[in-house]
Each structure stands twice: as structure tokens, then as C-alpha cells.
Amino acid sequence: SKVLAMCTLYYAGGILAGVWPKGCDGDLVFEGKTSPGMLLSSLLVLLGIWLKRHRERPTLAMQCWALSQGLMNATSSSFSAVPMRATHTAGGQTDAAMSLGKAFMNFLRGEVVPCQ
């Protein structure tokens, strides 16, 4: 169940990028702007370190890191010139999660939900 939780949270990072495209725009870093998605990913890494060292909660720390890495991978994948993957093995999972998040937002706005 711990592994499933980490996989789910990694996927949730991609969904978050899909529902928050302006915050998870991969171009922001290359334009010299702050990327809220990358900043949040970094803060989640720090939270995980704190949970592990000061609260002795290694499983919760790994779950924070999984969410962080899903968000970071999705943000870096949205770079307009070419998708840059931070992880090479989970690209399909990231793309699926981002598409699900975008479809959810289109559904909420009453727009057509594309099948990608």
C-alpha cells in the first residue's frame, strides 16, 4: 500500500500540472521568471527532508517526494521547444496525468474534453 500511495502521489503531481497550467509552465524558468510549479516541487522536497529528519516519518517523506517529482516532471515536460523529462521511465504516466488534469478543467468549464 505504501508503494501504491507513492505512485498515486506521483500521478497527482501530473494532474496538478494539468489543472494549473499557468503555474506549471515549463517556459517560465527559461524566460528568467519564477515557476510556481518548480518552487512548489522544491518546497515539497524540503518538507520531505524535514519530515524524515525531525519527525522520523520516512514513509510520509517519500510520499512528499513522489508528489514533488511528479509535479517537477510534468512542469519540465511542458517546455514548449521540446519536452524535457526529469525522469525517463515515467513519461507516459506524466503525460496521462497531465491530460487527465486538463480534461477535468475543460469539463468544469463546459468545454470540449479532447481525447489525446
PDB file of N, CA and C in Angstrom:
ATOM      1  N   SER A   1       0.816  -1.201   0.000  1.00  0.00           N
ATOM      2  CA  SER A   1       0.000   0.000   0.000  1.00  0.00           C
ATOM      3  C   SER A   1       0.859   1.264   0.000  1.00  0.00           C
ATOM      4  N   LYS A   2       2.079   1.184   0.568  1.00  0.00           N
ATOM      5  CA  LYS A   2       2.958   2.353   0.573  1.00  0.00           C
ATOM      6  C   LYS A   2       3.428   2.686  -0.837  1.00  0.00           C
ATOM      7  N   VAL A   3       3.734   1.652  -1.600  1.00  0.00           N
ATOM      8  CA  VAL A   3       4.174   1.874  -2.978  1.00  0.00           C
ATOM      9  C   VAL A   3       3.032   2.435  -3.811  1.00  0.00           C
ATOM     10  N   LEU A   4       1.833   1.916  -3.607  1.00  0.00           N
ATOM     11  CA  LEU A   4       0.667   2.430  -4.325  1.00  0.00           C
ATOM     12  C   LEU A   4       0.430   3.903  -3.985  1.00  0.00           C
ATOM     13  N   ALA A   5       0.602   4.261  -2.718  1.00  0.00           N
ATOM     14  CA  ALA A   5       0.432   5.659  -2.315  1.00  0.00           C
ATOM     15  C   ALA A   5       1.449   6.554  -3.018  1.00  0.00           C
ATOM     16  N   MET A   6       2.695   6.088  -3.113  1.00  0.00           N
ATOM     17  CA  MET A   6       3.718   6.890  -3.780  1.00  0.00           C
ATOM     18  C   MET A   6       3.432   7.025  -5.277  1.00  0.00           C
ATOM     19  N   CYS A   7       2.992   5.950  -5.906  1.00  0.00           N
ATOM     20  CA  CYS A   7       2.642   6.015  -7.335  1.00  0.00           C
ATOM     21  C   CYS A   7       1.472   6.956  -7.562  1.00  0.00           C
ATOM     22  N   THR A   8       0.502   6.888  -6.677  1.00  0.00           N
ATOM     23  CA  THR A   8      -0.675   7.755  -6.779  1.00  0.00           C
ATOM     24  C   THR A   8      -0.290   9.218  -6.601  1.00  0.00           C
ATOM     25  N   LEU A   9       0.594   9.507  -5.656  1.00  0.00           N
ATOM     26  CA  LEU A   9       1.012  10.887  -5.434  1.00  0.00           C
ATOM     27  C   LEU A   9       1.880  11.402  -6.574  1.00  0.00           C
ATOM     28  N   TYR A  10       2.697  10.538  -7.162  1.00  0.00           N
ATOM     29  CA  TYR A  10       3.458  10.939  -8.345  1.00  0.00           C
ATOM     30  C   TYR A  10       2.470  11.330  -9.452  1.00  0.00           C
ATOM     31  N   TYR A  11       1.454  10.519  -9.653  1.00  0.00           N
ATOM     32  CA  TYR A  11       0.427  10.784 -10.656  1.00  0.00           C
ATOM     33  C   TYR A  11      -0.310  12.084 -10.325  1.00  0.00           C
ATOM     34  N   ALA A  12      -0.571  12.312  -9.025  1.00  0.00           N
ATOM     35  CA  ALA A  12      -1.261  13.531  -8.597  1.00  0.00           C
ATOM     36  C   ALA A  12      -0.460  14.775  -8.951  1.00  0.00           C
ATOM     37  N   GLY A  13       0.871  14.676  -8.935  1.00  0.00           N
ATOM     38  CA  GLY A  13       1.699  15.805  -9.357  1.00  0.00           C
ATOM     39  C   GLY A  13       1.445  16.168 -10.815  1.00  0.00           C
ATOM     40  N   GLY A  14       1.282  15.172 -11.658  1.00  0.00           N
ATOM     41  CA  GLY A  14       0.961  15.419 -13.064  1.00  0.00           C
ATOM     42  C   GLY A  14      -0.428  16.005 -13.235  1.00  0.00           C
ATOM     43  N   ILE A  15      -1.374  15.507 -12.456  1.00  0.00           N
ATOM     44  CA  ILE A  15      -2.733  16.053 -12.514  1.00  0.00           C
ATOM     45  C   ILE A  15      -2.727  17.521 -12.084  1.00  0.00           C
ATOM     46  N   LEU A  16      -1.982  17.827 -11.026  1.00  0.00           N
ATOM     47  CA  LEU A  16      -1.877  19.218 -10.558  1.00  0.00           C
ATOM     48  C   LEU A  16      -1.340  20.118 -11.669  1.00  0.00           C
ATOM     49  N   ALA A  17      -0.351  19.649 -12.390  1.00  0.00           N
ATOM     50  CA  ALA A  17       0.187  20.433 -13.516  1.00  0.00           C
ATOM     51  C   ALA A  17      -0.863  20.607 -14.605  1.00  0.00           C
ATOM     52  N   GLY A  18      -1.707  19.610 -14.792  1.00  0.00           N
ATOM     53  CA  GLY A  18      -2.759  19.705 -15.803  1.00  0.00           C
ATOM     54  C   GLY A  18      -3.849  20.696 -15.432  1.00  0.00           C
ATOM     55  N   VAL A  19      -4.189  20.793 -14.159  1.00  0.00           N
ATOM     56  CA  VAL A  19      -5.239  21.722 -13.731  1.00  0.00           C
ATOM     57  C   VAL A  19      -4.692  23.118 -13.449  1.00  0.00           C
ATOM     58  N   TRP A  20      -3.379  23.250 -13.369  1.00  0.00           N
ATOM     59  CA  TRP A  20      -2.732  24.529 -13.072  1.00  0.00           C
ATOM     60  C   TRP A  20      -1.677  24.837 -14.129  1.00  0.00           C
ATOM     61  N   PRO A  21      -2.085  24.961 -15.406  1.00  0.00           N
ATOM     62  CA  PRO A  21      -1.089  25.104 -16.485  1.00  0.00           C
ATOM     63  C   PRO A  21      -0.265  26.385 -16.406  1.00  0.00           C
ATOM     64  N   LYS A  22      -0.841  27.478 -15.912  1.00  0.00           N
ATOM     65  CA  LYS A  22      -0.069  28.725 -15.826  1.00  0.00           C
ATOM     66  C   LYS A  22       1.008  28.635 -14.748  1.00  0.00           C
ATOM     67  N   GLY A  23       0.725  27.926 -13.692  1.00  0.00           N
ATOM     68  CA  GLY A  23       1.707  27.768 -12.624  1.00  0.00           C
ATOM     69  C   GLY A  23       2.767  26.742 -12.949  1.00  0.00           C
ATOM     70  N   CYS A  24       2.455  25.825 -13.845  1.00  0.00           N
ATOM     71  CA  CYS A  24       3.381  24.747 -14.194  1.00  0.00           C
ATOM     72  C   CYS A  24       3.863  24.876 -15.630  1.00  0.00           C
ATOM     73  N   ASP A  25       4.058  26.100 -16.058  1.00  0.00           N
ATOM     74  CA  ASP A  25       4.555  26.376 -17.400  1.00  0.00           C
ATOM     75  C   ASP A  25       6.065  26.164 -17.418  1.00  0.00           C
ATOM     76  N   GLY A  26       6.528  25.215 -18.199  1.00  0.00           N
ATOM     77  CA  GLY A  26       7.946  24.903 -18.250  1.00  0.00           C
ATOM     78  C   GLY A  26       8.799  26.011 -18.851  1.00  0.00           C
ATOM     79  N   ASP A  27       8.192  26.937 -19.574  1.00  0.00           N
ATOM     80  CA  ASP A  27       8.951  28.027 -20.188  1.00  0.00           C
ATOM     81  C   ASP A  27       9.366  29.110 -19.201  1.00  0.00           C
ATOM     82  N   LEU A  28       8.679  29.222 -18.078  1.00  0.00           N
ATOM     83  CA  LEU A  28       8.952  30.314 -17.143  1.00  0.00           C
ATOM     84  C   LEU A  28      10.404  30.350 -16.692  1.00  0.00           C
ATOM     85  N   VAL A  29      10.966  29.203 -16.382  1.00  0.00           N
ATOM     86  CA  VAL A  29      12.351  29.146 -15.905  1.00  0.00           C
ATOM     87  C   VAL A  29      13.307  29.669 -16.968  1.00  0.00           C
ATOM     88  N   PHE A  30      13.052  29.337 -18.226  1.00  0.00           N
ATOM     89  CA  PHE A  30      13.935  29.739 -19.309  1.00  0.00           C
ATOM     90  C   PHE A  30      13.726  31.197 -19.722  1.00  0.00           C
ATOM     91  N   GLU A  31      12.638  31.790 -19.246  1.00  0.00           N
ATOM     92  CA  GLU A  31      12.374  33.207 -19.507  1.00  0.00           C
ATOM     93  C   GLU A  31      12.854  34.076 -18.349  1.00  0.00           C
ATOM     94  N   GLY A  32      13.506  33.457 -17.375  1.00  0.00           N
ATOM     95  CA  GLY A  32      14.017  34.202 -16.222  1.00  0.00           C
ATOM     96  C   GLY A  32      12.943  34.542 -15.203  1.00  0.00           C
ATOM     97  N   LYS A  33      11.821  33.835 -15.248  1.00  0.00           N
ATOM     98  CA  LYS A  33      10.723  34.078 -14.319  1.00  0.00           C
ATOM     99  C   LYS A  33      10.630  32.942 -13.310  1.00  0.00           C
ATOM    100  N   THR A  34       9.961  33.210 -12.224  1.00  0.00           N
ATOM    101  CA  THR A  34       9.749  32.177 -11.213  1.00  0.00           C
ATOM    102  C   THR A  34       8.668  31.218 -11.678  1.00  0.00           C
ATOM    103  N   SER A  35       8.939  29.936 -11.559  1.00  0.00           N
ATOM    104  CA  SER A  35       7.961  28.910 -11.897  1.00  0.00           C
ATOM    105  C   SER A  35       7.309  28.431 -10.602  1.00  0.00           C
ATOM    106  N   PRO A  36       6.031  28.768 -10.380  1.00  0.00           N
ATOM    107  CA  PRO A  36       5.371  28.309  -9.155  1.00  0.00           C
ATOM    108  C   PRO A  36       5.378  26.790  -9.012  1.00  0.00           C
ATOM    109  N   GLY A  37       5.262  26.071 -10.123  1.00  0.00           N
ATOM    110  CA  GLY A  37       5.281  24.604 -10.069  1.00  0.00           C
ATOM    111  C   GLY A  37       6.608  24.071  -9.583  1.00  0.00           C
ATOM    112  N   MET A  38       7.697  24.619 -10.115  1.00  0.00           N
ATOM    113  CA  MET A  38       9.032  24.189  -9.687  1.00  0.00           C
ATOM    114  C   MET A  38       9.302  24.606  -8.251  1.00  0.00           C
ATOM    115  N   LEU A  39       8.827  25.788  -7.873  1.00  0.00           N
ATOM    116  CA  LEU A  39       9.008  26.259  -6.498  1.00  0.00           C
ATOM    117  C   LEU A  39       8.256  25.360  -5.523  1.00  0.00           C
ATOM    118  N   LEU A  40       7.019  25.013  -5.864  1.00  0.00           N
ATOM    119  CA  LEU A  40       6.245  24.113  -5.009  1.00  0.00           C
ATOM    120  C   LEU A  40       6.913  22.741  -4.930  1.00  0.00           C
ATOM    121  N   SER A  41       7.439  22.271  -6.042  1.00  0.00           N
ATOM    122  CA  SER A  41       8.150  20.991  -6.040  1.00  0.00           C
ATOM    123  C   SER A  41       9.338  21.043  -5.094  1.00  0.00           C
ATOM    124  N   SER A  42      10.081  22.131  -5.131  1.00  0.00           N
ATOM    125  CA  SER A  42      11.233  22.290  -4.236  1.00  0.00           C
ATOM    126  C   SER A  42      10.816  22.337  -2.776  1.00  0.00           C
ATOM    127  N   LEU A  43       9.728  23.030  -2.501  1.00  0.00           N
ATOM    128  CA  LEU A  43       9.234  23.107  -1.118  1.00  0.00           C
ATOM    129  C   LEU A  43       8.792  21.738  -0.606  1.00  0.00           C
ATOM    130  N   LEU A  44       8.224  20.929  -1.487  1.00  0.00           N
ATOM    131  CA  LEU A  44       7.836  19.577  -1.097  1.00  0.00           C
ATOM    132  C   LEU A  44       9.053  18.703  -0.792  1.00  0.00           C
ATOM    133  N   VAL A  45      10.142  18.922  -1.514  1.00  0.00           N
ATOM    134  CA  VAL A  45      11.387  18.206  -1.206  1.00  0.00           C
ATOM    135  C   VAL A  45      11.863  18.598   0.191  1.00  0.00           C
ATOM    136  N   LEU A  46      11.854  19.894   0.481  1.00  0.00           N
ATOM    137  CA  LEU A  46      12.266  20.355   1.809  1.00  0.00           C
ATOM    138  C   LEU A  46      11.349  19.820   2.902  1.00  0.00           C
ATOM    139  N   LEU A  47      10.047  19.787   2.644  1.00  0.00           N
ATOM    140  CA  LEU A  47       9.107  19.233   3.617  1.00  0.00           C
ATOM    141  C   LEU A  47       9.418  17.768   3.877  1.00  0.00           C
ATOM    142  N   GLY A  48       9.720  17.029   2.828  1.00  0.00           N
ATOM    143  CA  GLY A  48      10.074  15.621   2.993  1.00  0.00           C
ATOM    144  C   GLY A  48      11.323  15.440   3.840  1.00  0.00           C
ATOM    145  N   ILE A  49      12.323  16.281   3.606  1.00  0.00           N
ATOM    146  CA  ILE A  49      13.547  16.211   4.412  1.00  0.00           C
ATOM    147  C   ILE A  49      13.225  16.483   5.873  1.00  0.00           C
ATOM    148  N   TRP A  50      12.417  17.499   6.124  1.00  0.00           N
ATOM    149  CA  TRP A  50      12.044  17.843   7.492  1.00  0.00           C
ATOM    150  C   TRP A  50      11.266  16.705   8.158  1.00  0.00           C
ATOM    151  N   LEU A  51      10.333  16.117   7.423  1.00  0.00           N
ATOM    152  CA  LEU A  51       9.552  15.006   7.979  1.00  0.00           C
ATOM    153  C   LEU A  51      10.446  13.815   8.333  1.00  0.00           C
ATOM    154  N   LYS A  52      11.408  13.552   7.494  1.00  0.00           N
ATOM    155  CA  LYS A  52      12.312  12.414   7.740  1.00  0.00           C
ATOM    156  C   LYS A  52      13.238  12.689   8.918  1.00  0.00           C
ATOM    157  N   ARG A  53      13.851  13.856   8.947  1.00  0.00           N
ATOM    158  CA  ARG A  53      14.860  14.144   9.969  1.00  0.00           C
ATOM    159  C   ARG A  53      14.283  14.521  11.322  1.00  0.00           C
ATOM    160  N   HIS A  54      13.213  15.316  11.317  1.00  0.00           N
ATOM    161  CA  HIS A  54      12.717  15.870  12.579  1.00  0.00           C
ATOM    162  C   HIS A  54      11.465  15.194  13.116  1.00  0.00           C
ATOM    163  N   ARG A  55      10.761  14.488  12.277  1.00  0.00           N
ATOM    164  CA  ARG A  55       9.542  13.808  12.722  1.00  0.00           C
ATOM    165  C   ARG A  55       9.654  12.291  12.612  1.00  0.00           C
ATOM    166  N   GLU A  56      10.772  11.818  12.060  1.00  0.00           N
ATOM    167  CA  GLU A  56      11.005  10.386  11.886  1.00  0.00           C
ATOM    168  C   GLU A  56       9.842   9.704  11.165  1.00  0.00           C
ATOM    169  N   ARG A  57       9.439  10.316  10.060  1.00  0.00           N
ATOM    170  CA  ARG A  57       8.339   9.812   9.237  1.00  0.00           C
ATOM    171  C   ARG A  57       8.836   9.558   7.815  1.00  0.00           C
ATOM    172  N   PRO A  58       9.660   8.520   7.630  1.00  0.00           N
ATOM    173  CA  PRO A  58      10.246   8.294   6.307  1.00  0.00           C
ATOM    174  C   PRO A  58       9.224   7.980   5.217  1.00  0.00           C
ATOM    175  N   THR A  59       8.159   7.285   5.555  1.00  0.00           N
ATOM    176  CA  THR A  59       7.155   6.956   4.540  1.00  0.00           C
ATOM    177  C   THR A  59       6.439   8.214   4.072  1.00  0.00           C
ATOM    178  N   LEU A  60       6.069   9.070   5.000  1.00  0.00           N
ATOM    179  CA  LEU A  60       5.418  10.325   4.632  1.00  0.00           C
ATOM    180  C   LEU A  60       6.376  11.214   3.834  1.00  0.00           C
ATOM    181  N   ALA A  61       7.648  11.177   4.199  1.00  0.00           N
ATOM    182  CA  ALA A  61       8.654  11.941   3.453  1.00  0.00           C
ATOM    183  C   ALA A  61       8.725  11.452   2.011  1.00  0.00           C
ATOM    184  N   MET A  62       8.752  10.143   1.811  1.00  0.00           N
ATOM    185  CA  MET A  62       8.818   9.600   0.453  1.00  0.00           C
ATOM    186  C   MET A  62       7.566   9.950  -0.341  1.00  0.00           C
ATOM    187  N   GLN A  63       6.431  10.035   0.326  1.00  0.00           N
ATOM    188  CA  GLN A  63       5.207  10.415  -0.367  1.00  0.00           C
ATOM    189  C   GLN A  63       5.255  11.879  -0.794  1.00  0.00           C
ATOM    190  N   CYS A  64       5.829  12.743   0.049  1.00  0.00           N
ATOM    191  CA  CYS A  64       6.025  14.143  -0.347  1.00  0.00           C
ATOM    192  C   CYS A  64       6.945  14.225  -1.546  1.00  0.00           C
ATOM    193  N   TRP A  65       8.009  13.418  -1.524  1.00  0.00           N
ATOM    194  CA  TRP A  65       8.959  13.423  -2.635  1.00  0.00           C
ATOM    195  C   TRP A  65       8.319  12.907  -3.913  1.00  0.00           C
ATOM    196  N   ALA A  66       7.440  11.928  -3.817  1.00  0.00           N
ATOM    197  CA  ALA A  66       6.762  11.404  -5.005  1.00  0.00           C
ATOM    198  C   ALA A  66       5.881  12.487  -5.640  1.00  0.00           C
ATOM    199  N   LEU A  67       5.125  13.208  -4.813  1.00  0.00           N
ATOM    200  CA  LEU A  67       4.298  14.307  -5.318  1.00  0.00           C
ATOM    201  C   LEU A  67       5.184  15.379  -5.950  1.00  0.00           C
ATOM    202  N   SER A  68       6.279  15.695  -5.276  1.00  0.00           N
ATOM    203  CA  SER A  68       7.217  16.689  -5.779  1.00  0.00           C
ATOM    204  C   SER A  68       7.772  16.300  -7.145  1.00  0.00           C
ATOM    205  N   GLN A  69       8.178  15.058  -7.290  1.00  0.00           N
ATOM    206  CA  GLN A  69       8.794  14.633  -8.538  1.00  0.00           C
ATOM    207  C   GLN A  69       7.781  14.514  -9.673  1.00  0.00           C
ATOM    208  N   GLY A  70       6.550  14.137  -9.359  1.00  0.00           N
ATOM    209  CA  GLY A  70       5.502  14.129 -10.380  1.00  0.00           C
ATOM    210  C   GLY A  70       5.218  15.529 -10.894  1.00  0.00           C
ATOM    211  N   LEU A  71       5.167  16.493  -9.972  1.00  0.00           N
ATOM    212  CA  LEU A  71       4.937  17.884 -10.343  1.00  0.00           C
ATOM    213  C   LEU A  71       6.114  18.448 -11.134  1.00  0.00           C
ATOM    214  N   MET A  72       7.330  18.150 -10.692  1.00  0.00           N
ATOM    215  CA  MET A  72       8.515  18.642 -11.382  1.00  0.00           C
ATOM    216  C   MET A  72       8.632  18.048 -12.783  1.00  0.00           C
ATOM    217  N   ASN A  73       8.362  16.757 -12.911  1.00  0.00           N
ATOM    218  CA  ASN A  73       8.449  16.110 -14.217  1.00  0.00           C
ATOM    219  C   ASN A  73       7.396  16.680 -15.170  1.00  0.00           C
ATOM    220  N   ALA A  74       6.199  16.909 -14.658  1.00  0.00           N
ATOM    221  CA  ALA A  74       5.141  17.466 -15.506  1.00  0.00           C
ATOM    222  C   ALA A  74       5.458  18.903 -15.913  1.00  0.00           C
ATOM    223  N   THR A  75       6.000  19.677 -14.997  1.00  0.00           N
ATOM    224  CA  THR A  75       6.352  21.063 -15.319  1.00  0.00           C
ATOM    225  C   THR A  75       7.462  21.102 -16.357  1.00  0.00           C
ATOM    226  N   SER A  76       8.479  20.297 -16.168  1.00  0.00           N
ATOM    227  CA  SER A  76       9.579  20.296 -17.139  1.00  0.00           C
ATOM    228  C   SER A  76       9.140  19.713 -18.487  1.00  0.00           C
ATOM    229  N   SER A  77       8.135  18.862 -18.474  1.00  0.00           N
ATOM    230  CA  SER A  77       7.631  18.281 -19.730  1.00  0.00           C
ATOM    231  C   SER A  77       6.845  19.281 -20.558  1.00  0.00           C
ATOM    232  N   SER A  78       6.430  20.391 -19.946  1.00  0.00           N
ATOM    233  CA  SER A  78       5.610  21.364 -20.677  1.00  0.00           C
ATOM    234  C   SER A  78       6.446  22.463 -21.324  1.00  0.00           C
ATOM    235  N   PHE A  79       7.762  22.308 -21.388  1.00  0.00           N
ATOM    236  CA  PHE A  79       8.617  23.262 -22.079  1.00  0.00           C
ATOM    237  C   PHE A  79       8.244  23.256 -23.558  1.00  0.00           C
ATOM    238  N   SER A  80       8.018  24.415 -24.140  1.00  0.00           N
ATOM    239  CA  SER A  80       7.430  24.491 -25.481  1.00  0.00           C
ATOM    240  C   SER A  80       8.364  24.025 -26.604  1.00  0.00           C
ATOM    241  N   ALA A  81       9.661  24.217 -26.454  1.00  0.00           N
ATOM    242  CA  ALA A  81      10.559  23.859 -27.548  1.00  0.00           C
ATOM    243  C   ALA A  81      10.664  22.350 -27.710  1.00  0.00           C
ATOM    244  N   VAL A  82      10.806  21.649 -26.615  1.00  0.00           N
ATOM    245  CA  VAL A  82      10.909  20.193 -26.635  1.00  0.00           C
ATOM    246  C   VAL A  82      10.630  19.706 -25.219  1.00  0.00           C
ATOM    247  N   PRO A  83       9.830  18.655 -25.063  1.00  0.00           N
ATOM    248  CA  PRO A  83       9.602  18.147 -23.709  1.00  0.00           C
ATOM    249  C   PRO A  83      10.904  17.623 -23.105  1.00  0.00           C
ATOM    250  N   MET A  84      11.249  18.133 -21.962  1.00  0.00           N
ATOM    251  CA  MET A  84      12.439  17.657 -21.258  1.00  0.00           C
ATOM    252  C   MET A  84      11.970  16.875 -20.045  1.00  0.00           C
ATOM    253  N   ARG A  85      12.272  15.622 -20.025  1.00  0.00           N
ATOM    254  CA  ARG A  85      11.852  14.777 -18.915  1.00  0.00           C
ATOM    255  C   ARG A  85      12.905  14.787 -17.819  1.00  0.00           C
ATOM    256  N   ALA A  86      12.443  14.957 -16.614  1.00  0.00           N
ATOM    257  CA  ALA A  86      13.351  14.838 -15.478  1.00  0.00           C
ATOM    258  C   ALA A  86      13.549  13.363 -15.148  1.00  0.00           C
ATOM    259  N   THR A  87      12.560  12.557 -15.462  1.00  0.00           N
ATOM    260  CA  THR A  87      12.676  11.112 -15.283  1.00  0.00           C
ATOM    261  C   THR A  87      12.366  10.469 -16.623  1.00  0.00           C
ATOM    262  N   HIS A  88      13.125   9.486 -16.991  1.00  0.00           N
ATOM    263  CA  HIS A  88      12.924   8.900 -18.315  1.00  0.00           C
ATOM    264  C   HIS A  88      11.965   7.719 -18.306  1.00  0.00           C
ATOM    265  N   THR A  89      11.658   7.183 -17.142  1.00  0.00           N
ATOM    266  CA  THR A  89      10.826   5.977 -17.110  1.00  0.00           C
ATOM    267  C   THR A  89       9.348   6.251 -16.890  1.00  0.00           C
ATOM    268  N   ALA A  90       8.993   7.437 -16.468  1.00  0.00           N
ATOM    269  CA  ALA A  90       7.601   7.702 -16.118  1.00  0.00           C
ATOM    270  C   ALA A  90       6.951   8.731 -17.034  1.00  0.00           C
ATOM    271  N   GLY A  91       7.471   8.908 -18.232  1.00  0.00           N
ATOM    272  CA  GLY A  91       6.928   9.902 -19.147  1.00  0.00           C
ATOM    273  C   GLY A  91       5.488   9.643 -19.530  1.00  0.00           C
ATOM    274  N   GLY A  92       5.157   8.399 -19.789  1.00  0.00           N
ATOM    275  CA  GLY A  92       3.780   8.064 -20.143  1.00  0.00           C
ATOM    276  C   GLY A  92       2.811   8.341 -19.013  1.00  0.00           C
ATOM    277  N   GLN A  93       3.224   8.020 -17.805  1.00  0.00           N
ATOM    278  CA  GLN A  93       2.383   8.285 -16.634  1.00  0.00           C
ATOM    279  C   GLN A  93       2.196   9.792 -16.452  1.00  0.00           C
ATOM    280  N   THR A  94       3.255  10.550 -16.660  1.00  0.00           N
ATOM    281  CA  THR A  94       3.168  12.004 -16.534  1.00  0.00           C
ATOM    282  C   THR A  94       2.227  12.578 -17.584  1.00  0.00           C
ATOM    283  N   ASP A  95       2.386  12.157 -18.834  1.00  0.00           N
ATOM    284  CA  ASP A  95       1.520  12.661 -19.903  1.00  0.00           C
ATOM    285  C   ASP A  95       0.055  12.323 -19.642  1.00  0.00           C
ATOM    286  N   ALA A  96      -0.199  11.103 -19.191  1.00  0.00           N
ATOM    287  CA  ALA A  96      -1.578  10.700 -18.896  1.00  0.00           C
ATOM    288  C   ALA A  96      -2.169  11.539 -17.776  1.00  0.00           C
ATOM    289  N   ALA A  97      -1.383  11.786 -16.741  1.00  0.00           N
ATOM    290  CA  ALA A  97      -1.874  12.578 -15.610  1.00  0.00           C
ATOM    291  C   ALA A  97      -2.145  14.020 -16.024  1.00  0.00           C
ATOM    292  N   MET A  98      -1.243  14.608 -16.806  1.00  0.00           N
ATOM    293  CA  MET A  98      -1.457  15.982 -17.273  1.00  0.00           C
ATOM    294  C   MET A  98      -2.704  16.066 -18.157  1.00  0.00           C
ATOM    295  N   SER A  99      -2.886  15.087 -19.038  1.00  0.00           N
ATOM    296  CA  SER A  99      -4.069  15.074 -19.906  1.00  0.00           C
ATOM    297  C   SER A  99      -5.346  14.946 -19.093  1.00  0.00           C
ATOM    298  N   LEU A 100      -5.299  14.131 -18.054  1.00  0.00           N
ATOM    299  CA  LEU A 100      -6.464  13.979 -17.181  1.00  0.00           C
ATOM    300  C   LEU A 100      -6.789  15.285 -16.471  1.00  0.00           C
ATOM    301  N   GLY A 101      -5.766  15.970 -15.975  1.00  0.00           N
ATOM    302  CA  GLY A 101      -5.985  17.262 -15.320  1.00  0.00           C
ATOM    303  C   GLY A 101      -6.552  18.299 -16.268  1.00  0.00           C
ATOM    304  N   LYS A 102      -6.017  18.362 -17.495  1.00  0.00           N
ATOM    305  CA  LYS A 102      -6.534  19.309 -18.491  1.00  0.00           C
ATOM    306  C   LYS A 102      -7.968  18.976 -18.876  1.00  0.00           C
ATOM    307  N   ALA A 103      -8.271  17.691 -19.042  1.00  0.00           N
ATOM    308  CA  ALA A 103      -9.636  17.276 -19.387  1.00  0.00           C
ATOM    309  C   ALA A 103     -10.603  17.634 -18.268  1.00  0.00           C
ATOM    310  N   PHE A 104     -10.168  17.467 -17.029  1.00  0.00           N
ATOM    311  CA  PHE A 104     -11.011  17.819 -15.882  1.00  0.00           C
ATOM    312  C   PHE A 104     -11.336  19.312 -15.891  1.00  0.00           C
ATOM    313  N   MET A 105     -10.334  20.141 -16.155  1.00  0.00           N
ATOM    314  CA  MET A 105     -10.573  21.585 -16.200  1.00  0.00           C
ATOM    315  C   MET A 105     -11.495  21.955 -17.362  1.00  0.00           C
ATOM    316  N   ASN A 106     -11.325  21.331 -18.522  1.00  0.00           N
ATOM    317  CA  ASN A 106     -12.228  21.581 -19.646  1.00  0.00           C
ATOM    318  C   ASN A 106     -13.653  21.179 -19.293  1.00  0.00           C
ATOM    319  N   PHE A 107     -13.802  20.049 -18.611  1.00  0.00           N
ATOM    320  CA  PHE A 107     -15.121  19.582 -18.191  1.00  0.00           C
ATOM    321  C   PHE A 107     -15.776  20.587 -17.252  1.00  0.00           C
ATOM    322  N   LEU A 108     -15.013  21.117 -16.292  1.00  0.00           N
ATOM    323  CA  LEU A 108     -15.557  22.089 -15.345  1.00  0.00           C
ATOM    324  C   LEU A 108     -15.973  23.389 -16.025  1.00  0.00           C
ATOM    325  N   ARG A 109     -15.258  23.770 -17.076  1.00  0.00           N
ATOM    326  CA  ARG A 109     -15.580  24.991 -17.811  1.00  0.00           C
ATOM    327  C   ARG A 109     -16.642  24.774 -18.866  1.00  0.00           C
ATOM    328  N   GLY A 110     -17.083  23.538 -19.046  1.00  0.00           N
ATOM    329  CA  GLY A 110     -18.091  23.234 -20.048  1.00  0.00           C
ATOM    330  C   GLY A 110     -17.545  23.179 -21.461  1.00  0.00           C
ATOM    331  N   GLU A 111     -16.239  23.038 -21.594  1.00  0.00           N
ATOM    332  CA  GLU A 111     -15.606  22.976 -22.902  1.00  0.00           C
ATOM    333  C   GLU A 111     -15.498  21.522 -23.354  1.00  0.00           C
ATOM    334  N   VAL A 112     -15.156  21.355 -24.611  1.00  0.00           N
ATOM    335  CA  VAL A 112     -15.000  20.015 -25.163  1.00  0.00           C
ATOM    336  C   VAL A 112     -13.793  19.358 -24.487  1.00  0.00           C
ATOM    337  N   VAL A 113     -13.986  18.120 -24.086  1.00  0.00           N
ATOM    338  CA  VAL A 113     -12.896  17.353 -23.471  1.00  0.00           C
ATOM    339  C   VAL A 113     -12.222  16.552 -24.579  1.00  0.00           C
ATOM    340  N   PRO A 114     -10.999  16.941 -24.962  1.00  0.00           N
ATOM    341  CA  PRO A 114     -10.331  16.225 -26.053  1.00  0.00           C
ATOM    342  C   PRO A 114      -9.841  14.850 -25.609  1.00  0.00           C
ATOM    343  N   CYS A 115      -9.832  13.951 -26.538  1.00  0.00           N
ATOM    344  CA  CYS A 115      -9.249  12.629 -26.295  1.00  0.00           C
ATOM    345  C   CYS A 115      -7.856  12.656 -26.889  1.00  0.00           C
ATOM    346  N   GLN A 116      -6.837  12.530 -26.040  1.00  0.00           N
ATOM    347  CA  GLN A 116      -5.454  12.580 -26.535  1.00  0.00           C
ATOM    348  C   GLN A 116      -4.811  11.245 -26.408  1.00  0.00           C
TER     349      GLN A 116
END
